[in-house]
Amino acid sequence: MSVDRKHLSVAGRVATRCPDQGDLESAVYSALAHAGDLDPSYIFVTARGRDITLAGWVHLKAEVSRAEEITLRTNGVRKVHNELSPEL
């Protein structure tokens, strides 16, 4: 039996698969795009492990926190660094 250690992390004594960064970025962007109440056109999503950075611009101030909420609900996301700014 072989183990792909690159894609495993240990939580307590249970091995769990870490999401691929590209897959996690895509999942977050897809969740933002399908939310329906914000425009993610100028949101840039970057993953570092399970931590996500949101950078860019949104149309309304309320969309800054909404984008963070959606991102935190995305499977595999542990933490969000929100660097979004509302359009002036």
N, C-alpha and C. Protein backbone atom coordinates (compact mmCIF):
# COMPACT_ATOMS: atom_id res chain seq x y z
N MET A 1 0.85 -1.17 0.00
CA MET A 1 0.00 0.00 0.00
C MET A 1 0.89 1.23 0.00
N SER A 2 0.58 2.20 -0.86
CA SER A 2 1.35 3.44 -0.89
C SER A 2 0.47 4.59 -0.42
N VAL A 3 1.13 5.60 0.12
CA VAL A 3 0.42 6.77 0.64
C VAL A 3 0.97 8.01 -0.05
N ASP A 4 0.09 8.83 -0.58
CA ASP A 4 0.50 10.10 -1.18
C ASP A 4 0.56 11.13 -0.07
N ARG A 5 1.73 11.31 0.54
CA ARG A 5 1.88 12.20 1.70
C ARG A 5 1.72 13.67 1.35
N LYS A 6 1.87 14.03 0.08
CA LYS A 6 1.73 15.42 -0.34
C LYS A 6 0.33 15.94 -0.08
N HIS A 7 -0.67 15.08 -0.18
CA HIS A 7 -2.06 15.52 -0.07
C HIS A 7 -2.71 15.11 1.25
N LEU A 8 -1.91 14.82 2.25
CA LEU A 8 -2.46 14.44 3.54
C LEU A 8 -2.04 15.43 4.62
N SER A 9 -2.91 15.63 5.58
CA SER A 9 -2.56 16.38 6.77
C SER A 9 -3.08 15.56 7.95
N VAL A 10 -2.56 15.81 9.12
CA VAL A 10 -2.98 15.05 10.28
C VAL A 10 -3.75 15.97 11.22
N ALA A 11 -4.97 15.60 11.51
CA ALA A 11 -5.81 16.32 12.46
C ALA A 11 -6.07 15.37 13.61
N GLY A 12 -5.43 15.60 14.74
CA GLY A 12 -5.49 14.64 15.83
C GLY A 12 -4.75 13.39 15.40
N ARG A 13 -5.44 12.28 15.34
CA ARG A 13 -4.81 11.04 14.89
C ARG A 13 -5.42 10.56 13.58
N VAL A 14 -6.22 11.40 12.93
CA VAL A 14 -6.91 11.00 11.70
C VAL A 14 -6.29 11.74 10.52
N ALA A 15 -5.89 11.01 9.49
CA ALA A 15 -5.35 11.62 8.28
C ALA A 15 -6.51 12.11 7.42
N THR A 16 -6.40 13.34 6.94
CA THR A 16 -7.44 13.90 6.07
C THR A 16 -6.77 14.46 4.82
N ARG A 17 -7.47 14.45 3.71
CA ARG A 17 -6.93 14.95 2.45
C ARG A 17 -7.02 16.47 2.43
N CYS A 18 -5.92 17.15 2.08
CA CYS A 18 -5.92 18.60 1.93
C CYS A 18 -6.40 18.94 0.53
N PRO A 19 -7.27 19.93 0.38
CA PRO A 19 -7.72 20.29 -0.96
C PRO A 19 -6.58 20.90 -1.77
N ASP A 20 -6.58 20.63 -3.05
CA ASP A 20 -5.61 21.25 -3.95
C ASP A 20 -5.89 22.75 -3.99
N GLN A 21 -4.84 23.58 -3.96
CA GLN A 21 -5.03 25.04 -3.92
C GLN A 21 -5.84 25.55 -5.10
N GLY A 22 -5.55 25.05 -6.29
CA GLY A 22 -6.30 25.47 -7.47
C GLY A 22 -7.77 25.09 -7.39
N ASP A 23 -8.04 23.88 -6.87
CA ASP A 23 -9.42 23.44 -6.70
C ASP A 23 -10.14 24.30 -5.67
N LEU A 24 -9.45 24.64 -4.60
CA LEU A 24 -10.07 25.46 -3.55
C LEU A 24 -10.35 26.87 -4.06
N GLU A 25 -9.41 27.44 -4.80
CA GLU A 25 -9.64 28.77 -5.39
C GLU A 25 -10.84 28.74 -6.33
N SER A 26 -10.94 27.70 -7.15
CA SER A 26 -12.07 27.57 -8.07
C SER A 26 -13.39 27.40 -7.33
N ALA A 27 -13.36 26.60 -6.25
CA ALA A 27 -14.58 26.38 -5.46
C ALA A 27 -15.06 27.68 -4.83
N VAL A 28 -14.13 28.48 -4.31
CA VAL A 28 -14.50 29.76 -3.69
C VAL A 28 -15.06 30.70 -4.75
N TYR A 29 -14.38 30.82 -5.88
CA TYR A 29 -14.85 31.74 -6.92
C TYR A 29 -16.22 31.30 -7.44
N SER A 30 -16.41 30.00 -7.59
CA SER A 30 -17.70 29.48 -8.04
C SER A 30 -18.80 29.82 -7.03
N ALA A 31 -18.50 29.66 -5.74
CA ALA A 31 -19.49 30.00 -4.70
C ALA A 31 -19.83 31.48 -4.74
N LEU A 32 -18.83 32.33 -4.94
CA LEU A 32 -19.08 33.78 -5.04
C LEU A 32 -19.93 34.10 -6.27
N ALA A 33 -19.63 33.45 -7.39
CA ALA A 33 -20.35 33.70 -8.64
C ALA A 33 -21.81 33.24 -8.56
N HIS A 34 -22.06 32.15 -7.83
CA HIS A 34 -23.41 31.61 -7.75
C HIS A 34 -24.22 32.19 -6.59
N ALA A 35 -23.63 33.05 -5.79
CA ALA A 35 -24.35 33.63 -4.66
C ALA A 35 -25.53 34.47 -5.13
N GLY A 36 -25.37 35.15 -6.25
CA GLY A 36 -26.47 35.93 -6.80
C GLY A 36 -26.62 37.33 -6.26
N ASP A 37 -25.99 37.63 -5.13
CA ASP A 37 -26.17 38.95 -4.56
C ASP A 37 -24.89 39.78 -4.54
N LEU A 38 -23.87 39.34 -5.30
CA LEU A 38 -22.68 40.17 -5.48
C LEU A 38 -22.03 39.82 -6.82
N ASP A 39 -21.26 40.75 -7.34
CA ASP A 39 -20.58 40.57 -8.62
C ASP A 39 -19.10 40.30 -8.34
N PRO A 40 -18.64 39.06 -8.60
CA PRO A 40 -17.25 38.72 -8.29
C PRO A 40 -16.25 39.05 -9.41
N SER A 41 -16.67 39.83 -10.38
CA SER A 41 -15.82 40.12 -11.55
C SER A 41 -14.45 40.67 -11.18
N TYR A 42 -14.37 41.45 -10.12
CA TYR A 42 -13.10 42.06 -9.73
C TYR A 42 -12.59 41.52 -8.39
N ILE A 43 -13.01 40.30 -8.05
CA ILE A 43 -12.52 39.63 -6.84
C ILE A 43 -11.47 38.61 -7.28
N PHE A 44 -10.30 38.69 -6.68
CA PHE A 44 -9.21 37.77 -6.96
C PHE A 44 -9.04 36.85 -5.76
N VAL A 45 -9.11 35.55 -6.00
CA VAL A 45 -9.07 34.53 -4.94
C VAL A 45 -7.73 33.82 -5.00
N THR A 46 -7.03 33.79 -3.86
CA THR A 46 -5.75 33.10 -3.77
C THR A 46 -5.77 32.18 -2.56
N ALA A 47 -5.34 30.93 -2.76
CA ALA A 47 -5.28 29.97 -1.65
C ALA A 47 -3.83 29.72 -1.25
N ARG A 48 -3.64 29.61 0.02
CA ARG A 48 -2.36 29.18 0.58
C ARG A 48 -2.72 28.12 1.62
N GLY A 49 -2.59 26.87 1.22
CA GLY A 49 -3.13 25.80 2.06
C GLY A 49 -4.64 25.93 2.07
N ARG A 50 -5.21 25.99 3.26
CA ARG A 50 -6.66 26.15 3.40
C ARG A 50 -7.06 27.59 3.73
N ASP A 51 -6.08 28.49 3.72
CA ASP A 51 -6.35 29.91 3.96
C ASP A 51 -6.57 30.61 2.63
N ILE A 52 -7.60 31.44 2.57
CA ILE A 52 -7.97 32.14 1.34
C ILE A 52 -7.76 33.63 1.51
N THR A 53 -7.20 34.26 0.51
CA THR A 53 -7.11 35.72 0.46
C THR A 53 -8.05 36.20 -0.64
N LEU A 54 -8.92 37.14 -0.27
CA LEU A 54 -9.80 37.82 -1.22
C LEU A 54 -9.23 39.22 -1.43
N ALA A 55 -8.95 39.57 -2.66
CA ALA A 55 -8.42 40.90 -2.98
C ALA A 55 -9.20 41.45 -4.16
N GLY A 56 -9.24 42.77 -4.25
CA GLY A 56 -9.93 43.40 -5.37
C GLY A 56 -11.00 44.37 -4.91
N TRP A 57 -12.03 44.50 -5.75
CA TRP A 57 -13.07 45.50 -5.51
C TRP A 57 -14.45 44.89 -5.68
N VAL A 58 -15.39 45.42 -4.91
CA VAL A 58 -16.81 45.10 -5.04
C VAL A 58 -17.57 46.41 -5.16
N HIS A 59 -18.83 46.32 -5.55
CA HIS A 59 -19.62 47.54 -5.80
C HIS A 59 -20.09 48.22 -4.51
N LEU A 60 -20.47 47.43 -3.52
CA LEU A 60 -21.05 47.98 -2.29
C LEU A 60 -20.25 47.54 -1.06
N LYS A 61 -20.27 48.36 -0.03
CA LYS A 61 -19.57 48.04 1.21
C LYS A 61 -20.09 46.73 1.82
N ALA A 62 -21.38 46.48 1.73
CA ALA A 62 -21.97 45.26 2.29
C ALA A 62 -21.45 44.00 1.60
N GLU A 63 -21.00 44.13 0.36
CA GLU A 63 -20.49 42.98 -0.37
C GLU A 63 -19.13 42.51 0.16
N VAL A 64 -18.41 43.37 0.84
CA VAL A 64 -17.12 42.99 1.42
C VAL A 64 -17.34 41.87 2.44
N SER A 65 -18.24 42.08 3.38
CA SER A 65 -18.50 41.07 4.41
C SER A 65 -19.26 39.88 3.83
N ARG A 66 -20.13 40.11 2.86
CA ARG A 66 -20.88 39.03 2.22
C ARG A 66 -19.92 38.05 1.53
N ALA A 67 -18.92 38.57 0.83
CA ALA A 67 -17.94 37.72 0.15
C ALA A 67 -17.18 36.86 1.17
N GLU A 68 -16.85 37.44 2.30
CA GLU A 68 -16.15 36.70 3.34
C GLU A 68 -17.03 35.58 3.89
N GLU A 69 -18.30 35.86 4.14
CA GLU A 69 -19.24 34.85 4.64
C GLU A 69 -19.34 33.67 3.67
N ILE A 70 -19.50 33.99 2.40
CA ILE A 70 -19.62 32.94 1.37
C ILE A 70 -18.34 32.10 1.33
N THR A 71 -17.21 32.76 1.39
CA THR A 71 -15.93 32.06 1.34
C THR A 71 -15.76 31.13 2.54
N LEU A 72 -16.11 31.59 3.73
CA LEU A 72 -15.98 30.76 4.93
C LEU A 72 -16.87 29.53 4.88
N ARG A 73 -17.98 29.60 4.16
CA ARG A 73 -18.89 28.46 4.04
C ARG A 73 -18.45 27.47 2.97
N THR A 74 -17.42 27.80 2.22
CA THR A 74 -16.94 26.92 1.17
C THR A 74 -16.15 25.77 1.79
N ASN A 75 -16.47 24.55 1.40
CA ASN A 75 -15.82 23.36 1.94
C ASN A 75 -14.31 23.42 1.73
N GLY A 76 -13.56 23.23 2.82
CA GLY A 76 -12.11 23.21 2.76
C GLY A 76 -11.45 24.50 3.22
N VAL A 77 -12.22 25.58 3.34
CA VAL A 77 -11.66 26.87 3.76
C VAL A 77 -11.54 26.91 5.28
N ARG A 78 -10.38 27.29 5.76
CA ARG A 78 -10.14 27.40 7.20
C ARG A 78 -10.21 28.85 7.67
N LYS A 79 -9.62 29.77 6.88
CA LYS A 79 -9.50 31.16 7.30
C LYS A 79 -9.56 32.06 6.07
N VAL A 80 -10.09 33.27 6.24
CA VAL A 80 -10.19 34.22 5.14
C VAL A 80 -9.45 35.51 5.50
N HIS A 81 -8.58 35.95 4.61
CA HIS A 81 -7.93 37.25 4.71
C HIS A 81 -8.66 38.12 3.71
N ASN A 82 -9.45 39.04 4.21
CA ASN A 82 -10.30 39.86 3.33
C ASN A 82 -9.64 41.21 3.05
N GLU A 83 -9.17 41.38 1.84
CA GLU A 83 -8.54 42.63 1.42
C GLU A 83 -9.39 43.35 0.37
N LEU A 84 -10.70 43.04 0.36
CA LEU A 84 -11.59 43.68 -0.61
C LEU A 84 -11.88 45.12 -0.23
N SER A 85 -12.10 45.94 -1.23
CA SER A 85 -12.45 47.34 -1.02
C SER A 85 -13.73 47.64 -1.80
N PRO A 86 -14.62 48.45 -1.22
CA PRO A 86 -15.81 48.86 -1.99
C PRO A 86 -15.38 49.93 -3.00
N GLU A 87 -16.04 49.92 -4.14
CA GLU A 87 -15.79 50.94 -5.17
C GLU A 87 -16.10 52.31 -4.62
N LEU A 88 -15.28 53.26 -4.92
CA LEU A 88 -15.54 54.64 -4.45
C LEU A 88 -16.31 55.41 -5.47
